Amino acid sequence: MKLSFQLKATMLGTVSGMAAIGIAVAAGEIFQRSSAASAASVDGLVIPAAGTLEQKGYALYMQNCAHCHGADAHGDEGPDLHDVTKSDARIVSLIKDGKKGEMPKFGTKLNDAEVQALVAFIRSLKD
């Protein structure tokens, strides 16, 4: 069976087009994965992925803590919060009860879930 030139060209074009679409889809998935894996950052502070406990903690941090601990959490009036060695219980206590003359109390402003989100965010800070 002999195929016409037009039919051969159409088949070759279709196969080439399908291959190009396949390559584009695969490349799109690779780039999408790599951009999702690389977190955004603001002022040198890595912003946790949306919908995570750490991201909720980040939002609370920016509202309540950044003015003293710095937008990058490397300290300003308050200490650097990267690689904190205190226990979670101690961090919770400091957030809720403050430290006289050094840090205000947030126990009446933040609920337990919000405090835990802040702890998760602080734990995510690595130098």
C-alpha atoms as a PDB file:
ATOM      1  CA  MET A   1       0.000   0.000   0.000  1.00  0.00           C
ATOM      2  CA  LYS A   2       1.439   3.296  -1.088  1.00  0.00           C
ATOM      3  CA  LEU A   3       0.631   6.385   0.989  1.00  0.00           C
ATOM      4  CA  SER A   4       0.275   9.794  -0.568  1.00  0.00           C
ATOM      5  CA  PHE A   5       2.735  12.543   0.232  1.00  0.00           C
ATOM      6  CA  GLN A   6      -0.020  14.550   1.963  1.00  0.00           C
ATOM      7  CA  LEU A   7      -0.986  11.625   4.174  1.00  0.00           C
ATOM      8  CA  LYS A   8       2.664  10.989   5.127  1.00  0.00           C
ATOM      9  CA  ALA A   9       3.153  14.677   5.951  1.00  0.00           C
ATOM     10  CA  THR A  10      -0.031  14.728   8.035  1.00  0.00           C
ATOM     11  CA  MET A  11       0.994  11.618   9.965  1.00  0.00           C
ATOM     12  CA  LEU A  12       4.518  12.967  10.552  1.00  0.00           C
ATOM     13  CA  GLY A  13       3.112  16.314  11.707  1.00  0.00           C
ATOM     14  CA  THR A  14       0.671  14.612  14.075  1.00  0.00           C
ATOM     15  CA  VAL A  15       3.339  12.363  15.600  1.00  0.00           C
ATOM     16  CA  SER A  16       5.763  15.291  15.945  1.00  0.00           C
ATOM     17  CA  GLY A  17       3.068  17.446  17.528  1.00  0.00           C
ATOM     18  CA  MET A  18       2.148  14.725  20.010  1.00  0.00           C
ATOM     19  CA  ALA A  19       5.808  14.289  20.927  1.00  0.00           C
ATOM     20  CA  ALA A  20       6.196  18.047  21.433  1.00  0.00           C
ATOM     21  CA  ILE A  21       3.112  18.116  23.671  1.00  0.00           C
ATOM     22  CA  GLY A  22       4.466  15.185  25.689  1.00  0.00           C
ATOM     23  CA  ILE A  23       7.806  16.919  26.156  1.00  0.00           C
ATOM     24  CA  ALA A  24       6.102  20.200  27.139  1.00  0.00           C
ATOM     25  CA  VAL A  25       3.889  18.455  29.705  1.00  0.00           C
ATOM     26  CA  ALA A  26       6.850  16.592  31.198  1.00  0.00           C
ATOM     27  CA  ALA A  27       8.937  19.773  31.353  1.00  0.00           C
ATOM     28  CA  GLY A  28       6.034  21.652  32.936  1.00  0.00           C
ATOM     29  CA  GLU A  29       5.727  19.022  35.657  1.00  0.00           C
ATOM     30  CA  ILE A  30       9.457  19.173  36.354  1.00  0.00           C
ATOM     31  CA  PHE A  31       9.462  22.965  36.622  1.00  0.00           C
ATOM     32  CA  GLN A  32       6.294  22.974  38.693  1.00  0.00           C
ATOM     33  CA  ARG A  33       7.813  20.477  41.142  1.00  0.00           C
ATOM     34  CA  SER A  34      11.082  22.367  41.427  1.00  0.00           C
ATOM     35  CA  SER A  35       9.377  25.722  41.996  1.00  0.00           C
ATOM     36  CA  ALA A  36       7.104  24.193  44.641  1.00  0.00           C
ATOM     37  CA  ALA A  37      10.114  22.647  46.334  1.00  0.00           C
ATOM     38  CA  SER A  38      11.991  25.931  46.431  1.00  0.00           C
ATOM     39  CA  ALA A  39      10.312  28.043  49.048  1.00  0.00           C
ATOM     40  CA  ALA A  40       9.786  31.755  48.678  1.00  0.00           C
ATOM     41  CA  SER A  41      11.624  34.123  50.937  1.00  0.00           C
ATOM     42  CA  VAL A  42      11.071  37.638  52.209  1.00  0.00           C
ATOM     43  CA  ASP A  43      13.905  39.640  53.746  1.00  0.00           C
ATOM     44  CA  GLY A  44      15.994  36.446  53.779  1.00  0.00           C
ATOM     45  CA  LEU A  45      13.360  34.535  55.753  1.00  0.00           C
ATOM     46  CA  VAL A  46      12.048  31.381  54.068  1.00  0.00           C
ATOM     47  CA  ILE A  47       8.265  31.403  53.944  1.00  0.00           C
ATOM     48  CA  PRO A  48       6.814  27.965  54.729  1.00  0.00           C
ATOM     49  CA  ALA A  49       4.481  26.263  52.263  1.00  0.00           C
ATOM     50  CA  ALA A  50       0.868  27.445  52.299  1.00  0.00           C
ATOM     51  CA  GLY A  51      -1.556  25.509  54.448  1.00  0.00           C
ATOM     52  CA  THR A  52       1.099  24.194  56.835  1.00  0.00           C
ATOM     53  CA  LEU A  53       1.279  24.769  60.568  1.00  0.00           C
ATOM     54  CA  GLU A  54       4.616  26.517  59.995  1.00  0.00           C
ATOM     55  CA  GLN A  55       2.977  28.929  57.518  1.00  0.00           C
ATOM     56  CA  LYS A  56       0.298  29.810  60.071  1.00  0.00           C
ATOM     57  CA  GLY A  57       3.091  30.397  62.563  1.00  0.00           C
ATOM     58  CA  TYR A  58       4.892  32.591  60.045  1.00  0.00           C
ATOM     59  CA  ALA A  59       1.803  34.787  59.642  1.00  0.00           C
ATOM     60  CA  LEU A  60       1.443  35.071  63.431  1.00  0.00           C
ATOM     61  CA  TYR A  61       5.165  35.774  63.750  1.00  0.00           C
ATOM     62  CA  MET A  62       4.969  38.634  61.250  1.00  0.00           C
ATOM     63  CA  GLN A  63       1.975  40.131  63.124  1.00  0.00           C
ATOM     64  CA  ASN A  64       3.241  39.720  66.670  1.00  0.00           C
ATOM     65  CA  CYS A  65       6.970  39.063  66.812  1.00  0.00           C
ATOM     66  CA  ALA A  66       8.827  40.516  63.827  1.00  0.00           C
ATOM     67  CA  HIS A  67       8.926  44.032  65.243  1.00  0.00           C
ATOM     68  CA  CYS A  68      11.227  42.803  68.042  1.00  0.00           C
ATOM     69  CA  HIS A  69      12.883  39.677  66.604  1.00  0.00           C
ATOM     70  CA  GLY A  70      13.332  41.157  63.114  1.00  0.00           C
ATOM     71  CA  ALA A  71      11.599  40.427  59.819  1.00  0.00           C
ATOM     72  CA  ASP A  72      14.254  37.776  59.172  1.00  0.00           C
ATOM     73  CA  ALA A  73      14.041  36.409  62.763  1.00  0.00           C
ATOM     74  CA  HIS A  74      17.765  37.057  63.245  1.00  0.00           C
ATOM     75  CA  GLY A  75      17.058  39.369  66.145  1.00  0.00           C
ATOM     76  CA  ASP A  76      16.697  43.076  66.737  1.00  0.00           C
ATOM     77  CA  GLU A  77      15.436  44.113  70.163  1.00  0.00           C
ATOM     78  CA  GLY A  78      14.660  40.433  70.804  1.00  0.00           C
ATOM     79  CA  PRO A  79      17.093  37.541  70.264  1.00  0.00           C
ATOM     80  CA  ASP A  80      17.768  35.553  67.076  1.00  0.00           C
ATOM     81  CA  LEU A  81      15.254  32.723  66.766  1.00  0.00           C
ATOM     82  CA  HIS A  82      17.212  30.514  64.351  1.00  0.00           C
ATOM     83  CA  ASP A  83      18.342  27.159  65.737  1.00  0.00           C
ATOM     84  CA  VAL A  84      16.731  27.761  69.160  1.00  0.00           C
ATOM     85  CA  THR A  85      17.832  25.095  71.635  1.00  0.00           C
ATOM     86  CA  LYS A  86      15.080  25.641  74.223  1.00  0.00           C
ATOM     87  CA  SER A  87      12.449  22.916  74.632  1.00  0.00           C
ATOM     88  CA  ASP A  88       9.025  23.331  73.051  1.00  0.00           C
ATOM     89  CA  ALA A  89       7.546  23.642  76.546  1.00  0.00           C
ATOM     90  CA  ARG A  90       9.958  26.484  77.370  1.00  0.00           C
ATOM     91  CA  ILE A  91       9.154  28.279  74.114  1.00  0.00           C
ATOM     92  CA  VAL A  92       5.422  27.937  74.843  1.00  0.00           C
ATOM     93  CA  SER A  93       5.993  29.318  78.341  1.00  0.00           C
ATOM     94  CA  LEU A  94       7.965  32.293  77.008  1.00  0.00           C
ATOM     95  CA  ILE A  95       5.308  33.085  74.406  1.00  0.00           C
ATOM     96  CA  LYS A  96       2.412  32.796  76.846  1.00  0.00           C
ATOM     97  CA  ASP A  97       4.000  34.293  79.965  1.00  0.00           C
ATOM     98  CA  GLY A  98       6.620  36.574  78.447  1.00  0.00           C
ATOM     99  CA  LYS A  99       9.782  37.536  80.271  1.00  0.00           C
ATOM    100  CA  LYS A 100       9.633  40.492  82.638  1.00  0.00           C
ATOM    101  CA  GLY A 101      11.248  43.543  81.125  1.00  0.00           C
ATOM    102  CA  GLU A 102      12.214  41.653  77.964  1.00  0.00           C
ATOM    103  CA  MET A 103       9.175  40.123  76.268  1.00  0.00           C
ATOM    104  CA  PRO A 104       5.451  40.812  76.602  1.00  0.00           C
ATOM    105  CA  LYS A 105       2.917  38.121  77.480  1.00  0.00           C
ATOM    106  CA  PHE A 106       0.926  36.733  74.567  1.00  0.00           C
ATOM    107  CA  GLY A 107      -1.090  34.181  76.585  1.00  0.00           C
ATOM    108  CA  THR A 108      -4.266  36.273  76.467  1.00  0.00           C
ATOM    109  CA  LYS A 109      -3.819  37.317  72.836  1.00  0.00           C
ATOM    110  CA  LEU A 110      -2.979  33.930  71.277  1.00  0.00           C
ATOM    111  CA  ASN A 111      -4.801  30.634  71.772  1.00  0.00           C
ATOM    112  CA  ASP A 112      -3.024  27.283  72.233  1.00  0.00           C
ATOM    113  CA  ALA A 113      -3.241  26.380  68.530  1.00  0.00           C
ATOM    114  CA  GLU A 114      -1.677  29.714  67.565  1.00  0.00           C
ATOM    115  CA  VAL A 115       1.117  29.262  70.100  1.00  0.00           C
ATOM    116  CA  GLN A 116       1.808  25.778  68.691  1.00  0.00           C
ATOM    117  CA  ALA A 117       1.910  27.255  65.182  1.00  0.00           C
ATOM    118  CA  LEU A 118       4.494  29.797  66.367  1.00  0.00           C
ATOM    119  CA  VAL A 119       6.557  27.003  67.935  1.00  0.00           C
ATOM    120  CA  ALA A 120       6.408  25.048  64.650  1.00  0.00           C
ATOM    121  CA  PHE A 121       7.543  28.129  62.742  1.00  0.00           C
ATOM    122  CA  ILE A 122      10.398  28.808  65.161  1.00  0.00           C
ATOM    123  CA  ARG A 123      11.509  25.158  64.848  1.00  0.00           C
ATOM    124  CA  SER A 124      11.566  25.558  61.056  1.00  0.00           C
ATOM    125  CA  LEU A 125      14.121  28.386  61.259  1.00  0.00           C
ATOM    126  CA  LYS A 126      17.552  27.101  60.347  1.00  0.00           C
ATOM    127  CA  ASP A 127      20.720  29.020  59.543  1.00  0.00           C
END
